[in-house]
Amino acid sequence: MPLPNLDRSVGMICSTCAGDQFEHDPENLDAAIRCAGCDRIYTREQLIAENGEMIESALDDMKADVVDHARKTFRNAFRGSKYIRVK
């Protein structure tokens, strides 16, 4: 059974204007990130901290998918065994 697709992206939101369009230098991870809507400047750490709830929610969804996949895999592997049960 193949692994579920774990590629996820979380859209960041500006806490000032609720915009989701940002400008940054993709070559430099330490460069400032500017909101295209209100021109607010963020550091990478600030933007991640302010969107932490959305990131945690996406992480929880991914964890649930992995656990569900593992449960299904073990259930299929031990199907028919009278000694091992997977809940």
C-alpha atoms as a PDB file:
ATOM      1  CA  MET A   1       0.000   0.000   0.000  1.00  0.00           C
ATOM      2  CA  PRO A   2       1.667   3.270  -1.076  1.00  0.00           C
ATOM      3  CA  LEU A   3       2.058   6.159   1.308  1.00  0.00           C
ATOM      4  CA  PRO A   4      -0.515   8.929   1.058  1.00  0.00           C
ATOM      5  CA  ASN A   5       0.570  12.153  -0.567  1.00  0.00           C
ATOM      6  CA  LEU A   6       2.265  14.129   2.211  1.00  0.00           C
ATOM      7  CA  ASP A   7       3.105  17.171   0.093  1.00  0.00           C
ATOM      8  CA  ARG A   8       1.278  20.034   1.722  1.00  0.00           C
ATOM      9  CA  SER A   9       1.471  23.758   1.487  1.00  0.00           C
ATOM     10  CA  VAL A  10       0.089  26.228   3.974  1.00  0.00           C
ATOM     11  CA  GLY A  11      -0.887  29.639   2.700  1.00  0.00           C
ATOM     12  CA  MET A  12       0.399  32.449   4.876  1.00  0.00           C
ATOM     13  CA  ILE A  13      -1.876  35.352   5.778  1.00  0.00           C
ATOM     14  CA  CYS A  14      -0.832  38.905   6.652  1.00  0.00           C
ATOM     15  CA  SER A  15      -2.090  39.700  10.147  1.00  0.00           C
ATOM     16  CA  THR A  16      -2.577  43.366   9.220  1.00  0.00           C
ATOM     17  CA  CYS A  17      -4.619  43.188   5.996  1.00  0.00           C
ATOM     18  CA  ALA A  18      -5.393  39.436   5.694  1.00  0.00           C
ATOM     19  CA  GLY A  19      -3.638  39.439   2.323  1.00  0.00           C
ATOM     20  CA  ASP A  20      -2.024  36.283   1.025  1.00  0.00           C
ATOM     21  CA  GLN A  21       0.370  37.736  -1.552  1.00  0.00           C
ATOM     22  CA  PHE A  22       3.952  38.281  -0.445  1.00  0.00           C
ATOM     23  CA  GLU A  23       7.139  39.369  -2.178  1.00  0.00           C
ATOM     24  CA  HIS A  24      10.481  37.918  -1.176  1.00  0.00           C
ATOM     25  CA  ASP A  25      13.824  36.827  -2.509  1.00  0.00           C
ATOM     26  CA  PRO A  26      13.608  33.025  -2.932  1.00  0.00           C
ATOM     27  CA  GLU A  27      17.402  32.785  -3.063  1.00  0.00           C
ATOM     28  CA  ASN A  28      17.895  34.340   0.389  1.00  0.00           C
ATOM     29  CA  LEU A  29      15.947  32.767   3.268  1.00  0.00           C
ATOM     30  CA  ASP A  30      16.984  35.601   5.604  1.00  0.00           C
ATOM     31  CA  ALA A  31      15.617  38.344   3.340  1.00  0.00           C
ATOM     32  CA  ALA A  32      12.647  40.429   4.412  1.00  0.00           C
ATOM     33  CA  ILE A  33       9.184  39.379   3.251  1.00  0.00           C
ATOM     34  CA  ARG A  34       6.839  42.177   2.166  1.00  0.00           C
ATOM     35  CA  CYS A  35       3.063  41.935   2.073  1.00  0.00           C
ATOM     36  CA  ALA A  36       1.886  43.054  -1.361  1.00  0.00           C
ATOM     37  CA  GLY A  37      -1.379  44.395   0.071  1.00  0.00           C
ATOM     38  CA  CYS A  38      -0.260  46.662   2.906  1.00  0.00           C
ATOM     39  CA  ASP A  39       3.551  46.801   2.462  1.00  0.00           C
ATOM     40  CA  ARG A  40       4.163  45.407   5.952  1.00  0.00           C
ATOM     41  CA  ILE A  41       7.628  43.898   6.292  1.00  0.00           C
ATOM     42  CA  TYR A  42       8.064  40.538   8.037  1.00  0.00           C
ATOM     43  CA  THR A  43      11.002  38.355   8.864  1.00  0.00           C
ATOM     44  CA  ARG A  44      10.554  34.701   8.044  1.00  0.00           C
ATOM     45  CA  GLU A  45      10.277  33.870  11.754  1.00  0.00           C
ATOM     46  CA  GLN A  46       7.605  36.552  12.347  1.00  0.00           C
ATOM     47  CA  LEU A  47       5.452  35.321   9.470  1.00  0.00           C
ATOM     48  CA  ILE A  48       5.711  31.719  10.666  1.00  0.00           C
ATOM     49  CA  ALA A  49       4.902  32.726  14.270  1.00  0.00           C
ATOM     50  CA  GLU A  50       1.859  34.757  13.230  1.00  0.00           C
ATOM     51  CA  ASN A  51       0.552  31.866  11.105  1.00  0.00           C
ATOM     52  CA  GLY A  52       1.384  29.209  13.687  1.00  0.00           C
ATOM     53  CA  GLU A  53      -2.226  28.146  14.201  1.00  0.00           C
ATOM     54  CA  MET A  54      -2.726  27.393  10.498  1.00  0.00           C
ATOM     55  CA  ILE A  55       0.600  25.558  10.361  1.00  0.00           C
ATOM     56  CA  GLU A  56      -0.307  23.452  13.424  1.00  0.00           C
ATOM     57  CA  SER A  57      -3.686  22.600  11.891  1.00  0.00           C
ATOM     58  CA  ALA A  58      -2.049  21.413   8.661  1.00  0.00           C
ATOM     59  CA  LEU A  59       0.474  19.402  10.692  1.00  0.00           C
ATOM     60  CA  ASP A  60      -2.325  17.753  12.696  1.00  0.00           C
ATOM     61  CA  ASP A  61      -4.097  16.804   9.455  1.00  0.00           C
ATOM     62  CA  MET A  62      -0.889  15.272   8.111  1.00  0.00           C
ATOM     63  CA  LYS A  63      -0.326  13.309  11.338  1.00  0.00           C
ATOM     64  CA  ALA A  64      -3.871  11.962  11.153  1.00  0.00           C
ATOM     65  CA  ASP A  65      -3.298  10.832   7.553  1.00  0.00           C
ATOM     66  CA  VAL A  66      -0.067   9.031   8.505  1.00  0.00           C
ATOM     67  CA  VAL A  67      -1.662   7.279  11.499  1.00  0.00           C
ATOM     68  CA  ASP A  68      -4.665   6.241   9.404  1.00  0.00           C
ATOM     69  CA  HIS A  69      -2.361   4.874   6.692  1.00  0.00           C
ATOM     70  CA  ALA A  70      -0.307   2.921   9.260  1.00  0.00           C
ATOM     71  CA  ARG A  71      -3.456   1.492  10.844  1.00  0.00           C
ATOM     72  CA  LYS A  72      -4.788   0.344   7.456  1.00  0.00           C
ATOM     73  CA  THR A  73      -1.404  -1.138   6.502  1.00  0.00           C
ATOM     74  CA  PHE A  74      -1.109  -3.148   9.731  1.00  0.00           C
ATOM     75  CA  ARG A  75      -4.739  -4.239   9.537  1.00  0.00           C
ATOM     76  CA  ASN A  76      -4.151  -5.572   6.011  1.00  0.00           C
ATOM     77  CA  ALA A  77      -0.839  -7.200   6.963  1.00  0.00           C
ATOM     78  CA  PHE A  78      -2.331  -9.124   9.873  1.00  0.00           C
ATOM     79  CA  ARG A  79      -5.704  -9.884   8.332  1.00  0.00           C
ATOM     80  CA  GLY A  80      -6.719 -13.435   9.065  1.00  0.00           C
ATOM     81  CA  SER A  81      -4.462 -13.817  12.114  1.00  0.00           C
ATOM     82  CA  LYS A  82      -6.306 -15.024  15.160  1.00  0.00           C
ATOM     83  CA  TYR A  83      -3.455 -13.923  17.463  1.00  0.00           C
ATOM     84  CA  ILE A  84      -3.014 -10.277  16.414  1.00  0.00           C
ATOM     85  CA  ARG A  85      -5.740  -7.646  16.252  1.00  0.00           C
ATOM     86  CA  VAL A  86      -5.286  -4.036  15.155  1.00  0.00           C
ATOM     87  CA  LYS A  87      -7.744  -1.530  16.591  1.00  0.00           C
END
